[in-house]
PDB file of N, CA and C in Angstrom:
ATOM      1  N   UNK A   1     -15.052 -14.797   2.755  1.00  0.00           N
ATOM      2  CA  UNK A   1     -16.044 -15.489   1.920  1.00  0.00           C
ATOM      3  C   UNK A   1     -17.249 -15.837   2.781  1.00  0.00           C
ATOM      4  N   UNK A   2     -18.416 -15.893   2.221  1.00  0.00           N
ATOM      5  CA  UNK A   2     -19.555 -16.334   2.845  1.00  0.00           C
ATOM      6  C   UNK A   2     -19.602 -17.852   3.128  1.00  0.00           C
ATOM      7  N   UNK A   3     -19.967 -18.000   4.432  1.00  0.00           N
ATOM      8  CA  UNK A   3     -20.181 -19.403   4.790  1.00  0.00           C
ATOM      9  C   UNK A   3     -21.684 -19.759   5.136  1.00  0.00           C
ATOM     10  N   UNK A   4     -22.311 -20.542   4.197  1.00  0.00           N
ATOM     11  CA  UNK A   4     -23.761 -20.649   4.446  1.00  0.00           C
ATOM     12  C   UNK A   4     -23.860 -21.602   5.549  1.00  0.00           C
ATOM     13  N   UNK A   5     -24.891 -21.455   6.465  1.00  0.00           N
ATOM     14  CA  UNK A   5     -25.226 -22.412   7.598  1.00  0.00           C
ATOM     15  C   UNK A   5     -25.877 -23.657   7.059  1.00  0.00           C
ATOM     16  N   UNK A   6     -25.760 -24.699   7.720  1.00  0.00           N
ATOM     17  CA  UNK A   6     -26.266 -25.922   7.309  1.00  0.00           C
ATOM     18  C   UNK A   6     -27.831 -25.783   7.363  1.00  0.00           C
ATOM     19  N   UNK A   7     -28.338 -25.042   8.324  1.00  0.00           N
ATOM     20  CA  UNK A   7     -29.781 -24.854   8.593  1.00  0.00           C
ATOM     21  C   UNK A   7     -29.847 -23.332   8.992  1.00  0.00           C
ATOM     22  N   UNK A   8     -30.956 -22.682   8.543  1.00  0.00           N
ATOM     23  CA  UNK A   8     -31.069 -21.312   8.988  1.00  0.00           C
ATOM     24  C   UNK A   8     -31.364 -21.312  10.527  1.00  0.00           C
ATOM     25  N   UNK A   9     -30.729 -20.199  11.109  1.00  0.00           N
ATOM     26  CA  UNK A   9     -30.791 -20.011  12.657  1.00  0.00           C
ATOM     27  C   UNK A   9     -31.715 -18.876  12.883  1.00  0.00           C
ATOM     28  N   UNK A  10     -32.765 -19.198  13.757  1.00  0.00           N
ATOM     29  CA  UNK A  10     -33.856 -18.086  13.954  1.00  0.00           C
ATOM     30  C   UNK A  10     -33.223 -16.993  14.849  1.00  0.00           C
ATOM     31  N   UNK A  11     -33.724 -15.903  14.520  1.00  0.00           N
ATOM     32  CA  UNK A  11     -33.224 -14.626  15.100  1.00  0.00           C
ATOM     33  C   UNK A  11     -34.471 -13.649  15.323  1.00  0.00           C
ATOM     34  N   UNK A  12     -34.388 -12.770  16.161  1.00  0.00           N
ATOM     35  CA  UNK A  12     -35.473 -11.785  16.087  1.00  0.00           C
ATOM     36  C   UNK A  12     -34.689 -10.453  15.997  1.00  0.00           C
ATOM     37  N   UNK A  13     -35.253  -9.438  15.166  1.00  0.00           N
ATOM     38  CA  UNK A  13     -34.772  -8.206  14.866  1.00  0.00           C
ATOM     39  C   UNK A  13     -35.686  -6.961  15.305  1.00  0.00           C
ATOM     40  N   UNK A  14     -35.119  -6.057  15.861  1.00  0.00           N
ATOM     41  CA  UNK A  14     -35.918  -4.769  16.075  1.00  0.00           C
ATOM     42  C   UNK A  14     -35.117  -3.667  15.673  1.00  0.00           C
ATOM     43  N   UNK A  15     -35.873  -2.894  14.707  1.00  0.00           N
ATOM     44  CA  UNK A  15     -35.374  -1.658  14.065  1.00  0.00           C
ATOM     45  C   UNK A  15     -35.112  -0.523  15.292  1.00  0.00           C
ATOM     46  N   UNK A  16     -33.932   0.114  15.016  1.00  0.00           N
ATOM     47  CA  UNK A  16     -33.712   1.054  15.984  1.00  0.00           C
ATOM     48  C   UNK A  16     -34.149   2.592  15.338  1.00  0.00           C
ATOM     49  N   UNK A  17     -34.445   3.377  16.242  1.00  0.00           N
ATOM     50  CA  UNK A  17     -34.576   4.814  15.781  1.00  0.00           C
ATOM     51  C   UNK A  17     -33.796   5.686  16.819  1.00  0.00           C
ATOM     52  N   UNK A  18     -32.590   6.111  16.301  1.00  0.00           N
ATOM     53  CA  UNK A  18     -31.650   6.678  17.198  1.00  0.00           C
ATOM     54  C   UNK A  18     -31.112   5.686  18.021  1.00  0.00           C
ATOM     55  N   UNK A  19     -31.264   5.915  19.250  1.00  0.00           N
ATOM     56  CA  UNK A  19     -30.688   4.808  20.299  1.00  0.00           C
ATOM     57  C   UNK A  19     -31.978   4.117  21.038  1.00  0.00           C
ATOM     58  N   UNK A  20     -33.229   4.271  20.429  1.00  0.00           N
ATOM     59  CA  UNK A  20     -34.305   3.596  20.875  1.00  0.00           C
ATOM     60  C   UNK A  20     -34.867   2.677  20.102  1.00  0.00           C
ATOM     61  N   UNK A  21     -35.494   1.646  20.645  1.00  0.00           N
ATOM     62  CA  UNK A  21     -36.218   0.545  19.779  1.00  0.00           C
ATOM     63  C   UNK A  21     -37.339   1.268  19.270  1.00  0.00           C
ATOM     64  N   UNK A  22     -37.638   0.889  17.950  1.00  0.00           N
ATOM     65  CA  UNK A  22     -38.713   1.521  17.304  1.00  0.00           C
ATOM     66  C   UNK A  22     -39.736   0.496  16.684  1.00  0.00           C
ATOM     67  N   UNK A  23     -40.099  -0.455  17.510  1.00  0.00           N
ATOM     68  CA  UNK A  23     -40.952  -1.444  16.870  1.00  0.00           C
ATOM     69  C   UNK A  23     -40.990  -2.692  17.712  1.00  0.00           C
ATOM     70  N   UNK A  24     -41.741  -3.783  17.138  1.00  0.00           N
ATOM     71  CA  UNK A  24     -41.848  -5.014  17.807  1.00  0.00           C
ATOM     72  C   UNK A  24     -40.874  -5.974  17.338  1.00  0.00           C
ATOM     73  N   UNK A  25     -40.377  -6.893  17.846  1.00  0.00           N
ATOM     74  CA  UNK A  25     -39.312  -7.942  17.297  1.00  0.00           C
ATOM     75  C   UNK A  25     -39.992  -8.505  16.101  1.00  0.00           C
ATOM     76  N   UNK A  26     -39.105  -8.635  15.047  1.00  0.00           N
ATOM     77  CA  UNK A  26     -39.604  -9.294  13.822  1.00  0.00           C
ATOM     78  C   UNK A  26     -38.806 -10.629  13.589  1.00  0.00           C
ATOM     79  N   UNK A  27     -39.389 -11.677  13.308  1.00  0.00           N
ATOM     80  CA  UNK A  27     -38.711 -12.948  13.188  1.00  0.00           C
ATOM     81  C   UNK A  27     -37.900 -12.845  11.846  1.00  0.00           C
ATOM     82  N   UNK A  28     -36.663 -13.439  11.935  1.00  0.00           N
ATOM     83  CA  UNK A  28     -35.753 -13.378  10.816  1.00  0.00           C
ATOM     84  C   UNK A  28     -34.936 -14.744  10.992  1.00  0.00           C
ATOM     85  N   UNK A  29     -34.104 -15.031   9.957  1.00  0.00           N
ATOM     86  CA  UNK A  29     -33.195 -16.170   9.995  1.00  0.00           C
ATOM     87  C   UNK A  29     -31.916 -15.867   9.587  1.00  0.00           C
ATOM     88  N   UNK A  30     -30.954 -16.218  10.194  1.00  0.00           N
ATOM     89  CA  UNK A  30     -29.429 -16.029   9.895  1.00  0.00           C
ATOM     90  C   UNK A  30     -29.147 -17.266   8.859  1.00  0.00           C
ATOM     91  N   UNK A  31     -28.744 -16.974   7.630  1.00  0.00           N
ATOM     92  CA  UNK A  31     -28.398 -17.958   6.707  1.00  0.00           C
ATOM     93  C   UNK A  31     -26.877 -18.103   6.364  1.00  0.00           C
ATOM     94  N   UNK A  32     -26.059 -16.935   6.499  1.00  0.00           N
ATOM     95  CA  UNK A  32     -24.728 -17.114   6.155  1.00  0.00           C
ATOM     96  C   UNK A  32     -23.896 -16.087   6.905  1.00  0.00           C
ATOM     97  N   UNK A  33     -22.689 -16.364   7.090  1.00  0.00           N
ATOM     98  CA  UNK A  33     -21.679 -15.445   8.033  1.00  0.00           C
ATOM     99  C   UNK A  33     -20.418 -15.416   7.250  1.00  0.00           C
ATOM    100  N   UNK A  34     -19.886 -13.982   7.232  1.00  0.00           N
ATOM    101  CA  UNK A  34     -18.664 -13.836   6.853  1.00  0.00           C
ATOM    102  C   UNK A  34     -18.033 -12.811   7.532  1.00  0.00           C
ATOM    103  N   UNK A  35     -17.032 -13.199   8.386  1.00  0.00           N
ATOM    104  CA  UNK A  35     -16.301 -12.361   9.354  1.00  0.00           C
ATOM    105  C   UNK A  35     -17.276 -11.732  10.304  1.00  0.00           C
ATOM    106  N   UNK A  36     -17.455 -10.358  10.244  1.00  0.00           N
ATOM    107  CA  UNK A  36     -18.369  -9.676  11.121  1.00  0.00           C
ATOM    108  C   UNK A  36     -19.674  -9.166  10.478  1.00  0.00           C
ATOM    109  N   UNK A  37     -19.999  -9.955   9.252  1.00  0.00           N
ATOM    110  CA  UNK A  37     -21.192  -9.554   8.469  1.00  0.00           C
ATOM    111  C   UNK A  37     -21.996 -10.882   8.462  1.00  0.00           C
ATOM    112  N   UNK A  38     -23.376 -10.563   8.454  1.00  0.00           N
ATOM    113  CA  UNK A  38     -24.351 -11.722   8.581  1.00  0.00           C
ATOM    114  C   UNK A  38     -25.252 -11.434   7.301  1.00  0.00           C
ATOM    115  N   UNK A  39     -25.710 -12.686   6.716  1.00  0.00           N
ATOM    116  CA  UNK A  39     -26.986 -12.509   5.828  1.00  0.00           C
ATOM    117  C   UNK A  39     -28.143 -13.028   6.544  1.00  0.00           C
ATOM    118  N   UNK A  40     -29.133 -12.309   6.517  1.00  0.00           N
ATOM    119  CA  UNK A  40     -30.416 -12.604   7.106  1.00  0.00           C
ATOM    120  C   UNK A  40     -31.539 -12.534   6.241  1.00  0.00           C
ATOM    121  N   UNK A  41     -32.567 -13.259   6.449  1.00  0.00           N
ATOM    122  CA  UNK A  41     -33.742 -13.371   5.731  1.00  0.00           C
ATOM    123  C   UNK A  41     -34.844 -13.000   6.706  1.00  0.00           C
ATOM    124  N   UNK A  42     -35.678 -11.850   6.310  1.00  0.00           N
ATOM    125  CA  UNK A  42     -36.790 -11.456   6.954  1.00  0.00           C
ATOM    126  C   UNK A  42     -37.909 -11.212   6.048  1.00  0.00           C
ATOM    127  N   UNK A  43     -39.056 -11.467   6.557  1.00  0.00           N
ATOM    128  CA  UNK A  43     -40.302 -11.265   5.812  1.00  0.00           C
ATOM    129  C   UNK A  43     -40.667  -9.768   5.807  1.00  0.00           C
ATOM    130  N   UNK A  44     -40.281  -9.093   7.041  1.00  0.00           N
ATOM    131  CA  UNK A  44     -40.443  -7.672   6.983  1.00  0.00           C
ATOM    132  C   UNK A  44     -39.509  -6.904   6.274  1.00  0.00           C
ATOM    133  N   UNK A  45     -39.739  -5.700   5.764  1.00  0.00           N
ATOM    134  CA  UNK A  45     -38.698  -5.094   5.004  1.00  0.00           C
ATOM    135  C   UNK A  45     -37.781  -4.236   6.006  1.00  0.00           C
ATOM    136  N   UNK A  46     -36.550  -4.329   5.526  1.00  0.00           N
ATOM    137  CA  UNK A  46     -35.602  -3.418   6.373  1.00  0.00           C
ATOM    138  C   UNK A  46     -34.906  -2.406   5.448  1.00  0.00           C
ATOM    139  N   UNK A  47     -34.682  -1.218   5.932  1.00  0.00           N
ATOM    140  CA  UNK A  47     -34.197  -0.288   5.096  1.00  0.00           C
ATOM    141  C   UNK A  47     -32.681  -0.313   5.050  1.00  0.00           C
ATOM    142  N   UNK A  48     -32.028   0.117   3.866  1.00  0.00           N
ATOM    143  CA  UNK A  48     -30.697   0.242   3.920  1.00  0.00           C
ATOM    144  C   UNK A  48     -30.095   1.044   4.893  1.00  0.00           C
ATOM    145  N   UNK A  49     -29.132   0.900   5.597  1.00  0.00           N
ATOM    146  CA  UNK A  49     -28.385   1.721   6.467  1.00  0.00           C
ATOM    147  C   UNK A  49     -29.245   1.796   7.846  1.00  0.00           C
ATOM    148  N   UNK A  50     -30.297   0.917   8.030  1.00  0.00           N
ATOM    149  CA  UNK A  50     -31.123   0.978   9.285  1.00  0.00           C
ATOM    150  C   UNK A  50     -30.146   0.330  10.438  1.00  0.00           C
ATOM    151  N   UNK A  51     -30.379   0.908  11.542  1.00  0.00           N
ATOM    152  CA  UNK A  51     -29.672   0.338  12.785  1.00  0.00           C
ATOM    153  C   UNK A  51     -30.608  -0.649  13.284  1.00  0.00           C
ATOM    154  N   UNK A  52     -30.112  -1.882  13.736  1.00  0.00           N
ATOM    155  CA  UNK A  52     -30.944  -2.983  14.263  1.00  0.00           C
ATOM    156  C   UNK A  52     -30.455  -3.596  15.484  1.00  0.00           C
ATOM    157  N   UNK A  53     -31.288  -4.368  16.128  1.00  0.00           N
ATOM    158  CA  UNK A  53     -30.821  -5.085  17.400  1.00  0.00           C
ATOM    159  C   UNK A  53     -31.238  -6.431  17.150  1.00  0.00           C
ATOM    160  N   UNK A  54     -30.325  -7.363  17.177  1.00  0.00           N
ATOM    161  CA  UNK A  54     -30.525  -8.768  16.953  1.00  0.00           C
ATOM    162  C   UNK A  54     -30.509  -9.433  18.189  1.00  0.00           C
ATOM    163  N   UNK A  55     -31.415 -10.454  18.564  1.00  0.00           N
ATOM    164  CA  UNK A  55     -31.284 -11.372  19.641  1.00  0.00           C
ATOM    165  C   UNK A  55     -31.438 -12.781  19.070  1.00  0.00           C
ATOM    166  N   UNK A  56     -30.892 -13.742  19.724  1.00  0.00           N
ATOM    167  CA  UNK A  56     -31.091 -15.040  19.540  1.00  0.00           C
ATOM    168  C   UNK A  56     -29.695 -15.627  19.113  1.00  0.00           C
ATOM    169  N   UNK A  57     -28.663 -14.994  19.054  1.00  0.00           N
ATOM    170  CA  UNK A  57     -27.462 -15.511  18.581  1.00  0.00           C
ATOM    171  C   UNK A  57     -26.598 -15.849  19.642  1.00  0.00           C
ATOM    172  N   UNK A  58     -26.250 -14.893  20.587  1.00  0.00           N
ATOM    173  CA  UNK A  58     -25.510 -15.207  21.717  1.00  0.00           C
ATOM    174  C   UNK A  58     -26.341 -15.067  22.929  1.00  0.00           C
ATOM    175  N   UNK A  59     -26.206 -16.302  23.809  1.00  0.00           N
ATOM    176  CA  UNK A  59     -27.247 -16.381  24.911  1.00  0.00           C
ATOM    177  C   UNK A  59     -27.412 -15.166  25.776  1.00  0.00           C
ATOM    178  N   UNK A  60     -28.838 -14.612  25.820  1.00  0.00           N
ATOM    179  CA  UNK A  60     -29.105 -13.608  26.547  1.00  0.00           C
ATOM    180  C   UNK A  60     -28.288 -12.237  26.298  1.00  0.00           C
ATOM    181  N   UNK A  61     -27.938 -12.215  25.049  1.00  0.00           N
ATOM    182  CA  UNK A  61     -27.085 -10.939  24.787  1.00  0.00           C
ATOM    183  C   UNK A  61     -27.975 -10.242  23.435  1.00  0.00           C
ATOM    184  N   UNK A  62     -27.884  -8.977  23.500  1.00  0.00           N
ATOM    185  CA  UNK A  62     -28.534  -8.317  22.257  1.00  0.00           C
ATOM    186  C   UNK A  62     -27.201  -7.930  21.538  1.00  0.00           C
ATOM    187  N   UNK A  63     -27.504  -7.859  20.209  1.00  0.00           N
ATOM    188  CA  UNK A  63     -26.236  -7.478  19.106  1.00  0.00           C
ATOM    189  C   UNK A  63     -26.741  -6.458  18.473  1.00  0.00           C
ATOM    190  N   UNK A  64     -25.940  -5.407  18.114  1.00  0.00           N
ATOM    191  CA  UNK A  64     -26.337  -4.300  17.341  1.00  0.00           C
ATOM    192  C   UNK A  64     -25.666  -4.507  15.954  1.00  0.00           C
ATOM    193  N   UNK A  65     -26.409  -3.837  14.880  1.00  0.00           N
ATOM    194  CA  UNK A  65     -25.858  -4.145  13.511  1.00  0.00           C
ATOM    195  C   UNK A  65     -26.437  -3.090  12.799  1.00  0.00           C
ATOM    196  N   UNK A  66     -25.963  -2.920  11.444  1.00  0.00           N
ATOM    197  CA  UNK A  66     -26.472  -2.031  10.482  1.00  0.00           C
ATOM    198  C   UNK A  66     -26.657  -2.632   9.275  1.00  0.00           C
ATOM    199  N   UNK A  67     -27.897  -2.382   8.619  1.00  0.00           N
ATOM    200  CA  UNK A  67     -28.099  -3.048   7.317  1.00  0.00           C
ATOM    201  C   UNK A  67     -27.242  -2.510   6.312  1.00  0.00           C
ATOM    202  N   UNK A  68     -26.435  -3.229   5.564  1.00  0.00           N
ATOM    203  CA  UNK A  68     -25.432  -2.596   4.603  1.00  0.00           C
ATOM    204  C   UNK A  68     -25.775  -3.058   3.117  1.00  0.00           C
ATOM    205  N   UNK A  69     -26.690  -4.063   3.044  1.00  0.00           N
ATOM    206  CA  UNK A  69     -27.045  -4.367   1.620  1.00  0.00           C
ATOM    207  C   UNK A  69     -28.289  -4.915   1.681  1.00  0.00           C
ATOM    208  N   UNK A  70     -29.193  -4.546   0.916  1.00  0.00           N
ATOM    209  CA  UNK A  70     -30.657  -4.938   0.536  1.00  0.00           C
ATOM    210  C   UNK A  70     -30.606  -5.793  -0.748  1.00  0.00           C
ATOM    211  N   UNK A  71     -30.712  -6.971  -0.677  1.00  0.00           N
ATOM    212  CA  UNK A  71     -30.801  -7.810  -1.850  1.00  0.00           C
ATOM    213  C   UNK A  71     -32.174  -8.385  -2.062  1.00  0.00           C
ATOM    214  N   UNK A  72     -32.574  -9.140  -3.281  1.00  0.00           N
ATOM    215  CA  UNK A  72     -33.808  -9.657  -3.597  1.00  0.00           C
ATOM    216  C   UNK A  72     -34.411 -10.591  -2.408  1.00  0.00           C
ATOM    217  N   UNK A  73     -33.385 -11.584  -1.961  1.00  0.00           N
ATOM    218  CA  UNK A  73     -33.872 -12.382  -1.016  1.00  0.00           C
ATOM    219  C   UNK A  73     -33.161 -12.481   0.373  1.00  0.00           C
ATOM    220  N   UNK A  74     -32.319 -11.423   0.699  1.00  0.00           N
ATOM    221  CA  UNK A  74     -31.625 -11.339   1.915  1.00  0.00           C
ATOM    222  C   UNK A  74     -31.226 -10.105   2.068  1.00  0.00           C
ATOM    223  N   UNK A  75     -30.804  -9.717   3.451  1.00  0.00           N
ATOM    224  CA  UNK A  75     -30.155  -8.531   3.713  1.00  0.00           C
ATOM    225  C   UNK A  75     -28.928  -8.920   4.361  1.00  0.00           C
ATOM    226  N   UNK A  76     -27.730  -8.016   4.013  1.00  0.00           N
ATOM    227  CA  UNK A  76     -26.462  -8.175   4.562  1.00  0.00           C
ATOM    228  C   UNK A  76     -26.574  -7.063   5.941  1.00  0.00           C
ATOM    229  N   UNK A  77     -26.075  -7.471   6.923  1.00  0.00           N
ATOM    230  CA  UNK A  77     -25.947  -6.691   8.278  1.00  0.00           C
ATOM    231  C   UNK A  77     -24.428  -6.743   8.891  1.00  0.00           C
ATOM    232  N   UNK A  78     -24.052  -5.652   8.957  1.00  0.00           N
ATOM    233  CA  UNK A  78     -22.630  -5.663   9.520  1.00  0.00           C
ATOM    234  C   UNK A  78     -22.823  -5.424  11.136  1.00  0.00           C
ATOM    235  N   UNK A  79     -22.087  -6.296  11.901  1.00  0.00           N
ATOM    236  CA  UNK A  79     -22.134  -6.160  13.319  1.00  0.00           C
ATOM    237  C   UNK A  79     -21.532  -4.882  13.923  1.00  0.00           C
ATOM    238  N   UNK A  80     -22.148  -4.262  14.755  1.00  0.00           N
ATOM    239  CA  UNK A  80     -21.499  -2.937  15.152  1.00  0.00           C
ATOM    240  C   UNK A  80     -21.223  -3.181  16.572  1.00  0.00           C
ATOM    241  N   UNK A  81     -21.369  -4.149  17.193  1.00  0.00           N
ATOM    242  CA  UNK A  81     -21.127  -4.534  18.912  1.00  0.00           C
ATOM    243  C   UNK A  81     -20.664  -5.941  18.718  1.00  0.00           C
ATOM    244  N   UNK A  82     -19.292  -6.074  19.101  1.00  0.00           N
ATOM    245  CA  UNK A  82     -18.772  -7.463  19.139  1.00  0.00           C
ATOM    246  C   UNK A  82     -18.363  -7.719  20.609  1.00  0.00           C
ATOM    247  N   UNK A  83     -18.415  -9.078  20.958  1.00  0.00           N
ATOM    248  CA  UNK A  83     -18.028  -9.374  22.200  1.00  0.00           C
ATOM    249  C   UNK A  83     -17.373 -10.902  22.058  1.00  0.00           C
ATOM    250  N   UNK A  84     -16.504 -11.295  22.921  1.00  0.00           N
ATOM    251  CA  UNK A  84     -15.881 -12.700  22.901  1.00  0.00           C
ATOM    252  C   UNK A  84     -16.997 -13.721  22.811  1.00  0.00           C
ATOM    253  N   UNK A  85     -18.048 -13.458  23.515  1.00  0.00           N
ATOM    254  CA  UNK A  85     -19.031 -14.490  23.587  1.00  0.00           C
ATOM    255  C   UNK A  85     -19.886 -14.429  22.052  1.00  0.00           C
ATOM    256  N   UNK A  86     -20.025 -13.377  21.427  1.00  0.00           N
ATOM    257  CA  UNK A  86     -20.682 -13.179  20.163  1.00  0.00           C
ATOM    258  C   UNK A  86     -19.834 -13.962  19.150  1.00  0.00           C
ATOM    259  N   UNK A  87     -18.341 -13.653  19.239  1.00  0.00           N
ATOM    260  CA  UNK A  87     -17.443 -14.239  18.374  1.00  0.00           C
ATOM    261  C   UNK A  87     -17.425 -15.793  18.438  1.00  0.00           C
ATOM    262  N   UNK A  88     -17.453 -16.344  19.625  1.00  0.00           N
ATOM    263  CA  UNK A  88     -17.554 -17.606  19.825  1.00  0.00           C
ATOM    264  C   UNK A  88     -18.873 -18.390  19.449  1.00  0.00           C
ATOM    265  N   UNK A  89     -19.969 -17.725  19.546  1.00  0.00           N
ATOM    266  CA  UNK A  89     -21.251 -18.023  18.930  1.00  0.00           C
ATOM    267  C   UNK A  89     -21.149 -18.258  17.509  1.00  0.00           C
ATOM    268  N   UNK A  90     -20.556 -17.144  16.754  1.00  0.00           N
ATOM    269  CA  UNK A  90     -20.497 -17.222  15.361  1.00  0.00           C
ATOM    270  C   UNK A  90     -19.516 -18.372  14.954  1.00  0.00           C
ATOM    271  N   UNK A  91     -18.409 -18.710  15.458  1.00  0.00           N
ATOM    272  CA  UNK A  91     -17.448 -19.645  15.107  1.00  0.00           C
ATOM    273  C   UNK A  91     -18.115 -20.900  15.339  1.00  0.00           C
ATOM    274  N   UNK A  92     -19.053 -21.139  16.451  1.00  0.00           N
ATOM    275  CA  UNK A  92     -19.638 -22.382  16.486  1.00  0.00           C
ATOM    276  C   UNK A  92     -20.794 -22.701  15.388  1.00  0.00           C
ATOM    277  N   UNK A  93     -21.492 -21.543  15.008  1.00  0.00           N
ATOM    278  CA  UNK A  93     -22.376 -21.897  13.807  1.00  0.00           C
ATOM    279  C   UNK A  93     -21.618 -22.003  12.578  1.00  0.00           C
ATOM    280  N   UNK A  94     -20.539 -21.657  12.330  1.00  0.00           N
ATOM    281  CA  UNK A  94     -19.681 -21.804  11.076  1.00  0.00           C
ATOM    282  C   UNK A  94     -19.007 -23.338  11.025  1.00  0.00           C
ATOM    283  N   UNK A  95     -19.059 -24.003  12.011  1.00  0.00           N
ATOM    284  CA  UNK A  95     -18.596 -25.365  12.198  1.00  0.00           C
ATOM    285  C   UNK A  95     -19.339 -26.200  11.284  1.00  0.00           C
ATOM    286  N   UNK A  96     -18.876 -27.032  10.457  1.00  0.00           N
ATOM    287  CA  UNK A  96     -19.644 -27.854   9.685  1.00  0.00           C
ATOM    288  C   UNK A  96     -20.396 -28.954  10.473  1.00  0.00           C
ATOM    289  N   UNK A  97     -21.608 -29.188   9.992  1.00  0.00           N
ATOM    290  CA  UNK A  97     -22.462 -30.195  10.683  1.00  0.00           C
ATOM    291  C   UNK A  97     -21.792 -31.673  10.609  1.00  0.00           C
ATOM    292  N   UNK A  98     -21.903 -32.440  11.716  1.00  0.00           N
ATOM    293  CA  UNK A  98     -21.322 -33.773  11.564  1.00  0.00           C
ATOM    294  C   UNK A  98     -22.296 -34.620  11.065  1.00  0.00           C
TER     295      UNK A  98
END
C-alpha cells in the first residue's frame, strides 16, 4: 500500500539515454512510497518506461529507477538500484511525523 509522506521530499531527476545522462537535473518531489516504488511529482514531463537517475534521497548517492506509470498529477517510478542505505532512507521517510 502507498504511504503518503507528511511533507513532500525534494529530489532531482535526470533522464537517462542508454547508460548516459541526457539532460539537466529537474526538480521533483517525492510524495509517497510503497516498497520499492515511489510516487514523484515533476513539472517537467517524463515518459513512460524512461530510465531516470534520482538524487536527494540517500546521502551522496544516486539512485536509478524506471518510470512505470504516468498519471495526471504524479509519476510512479520503480527503483532499479537498491542499497541498504537507500532502504534505510526510505524507512525513515515512512515513519510518521511526531
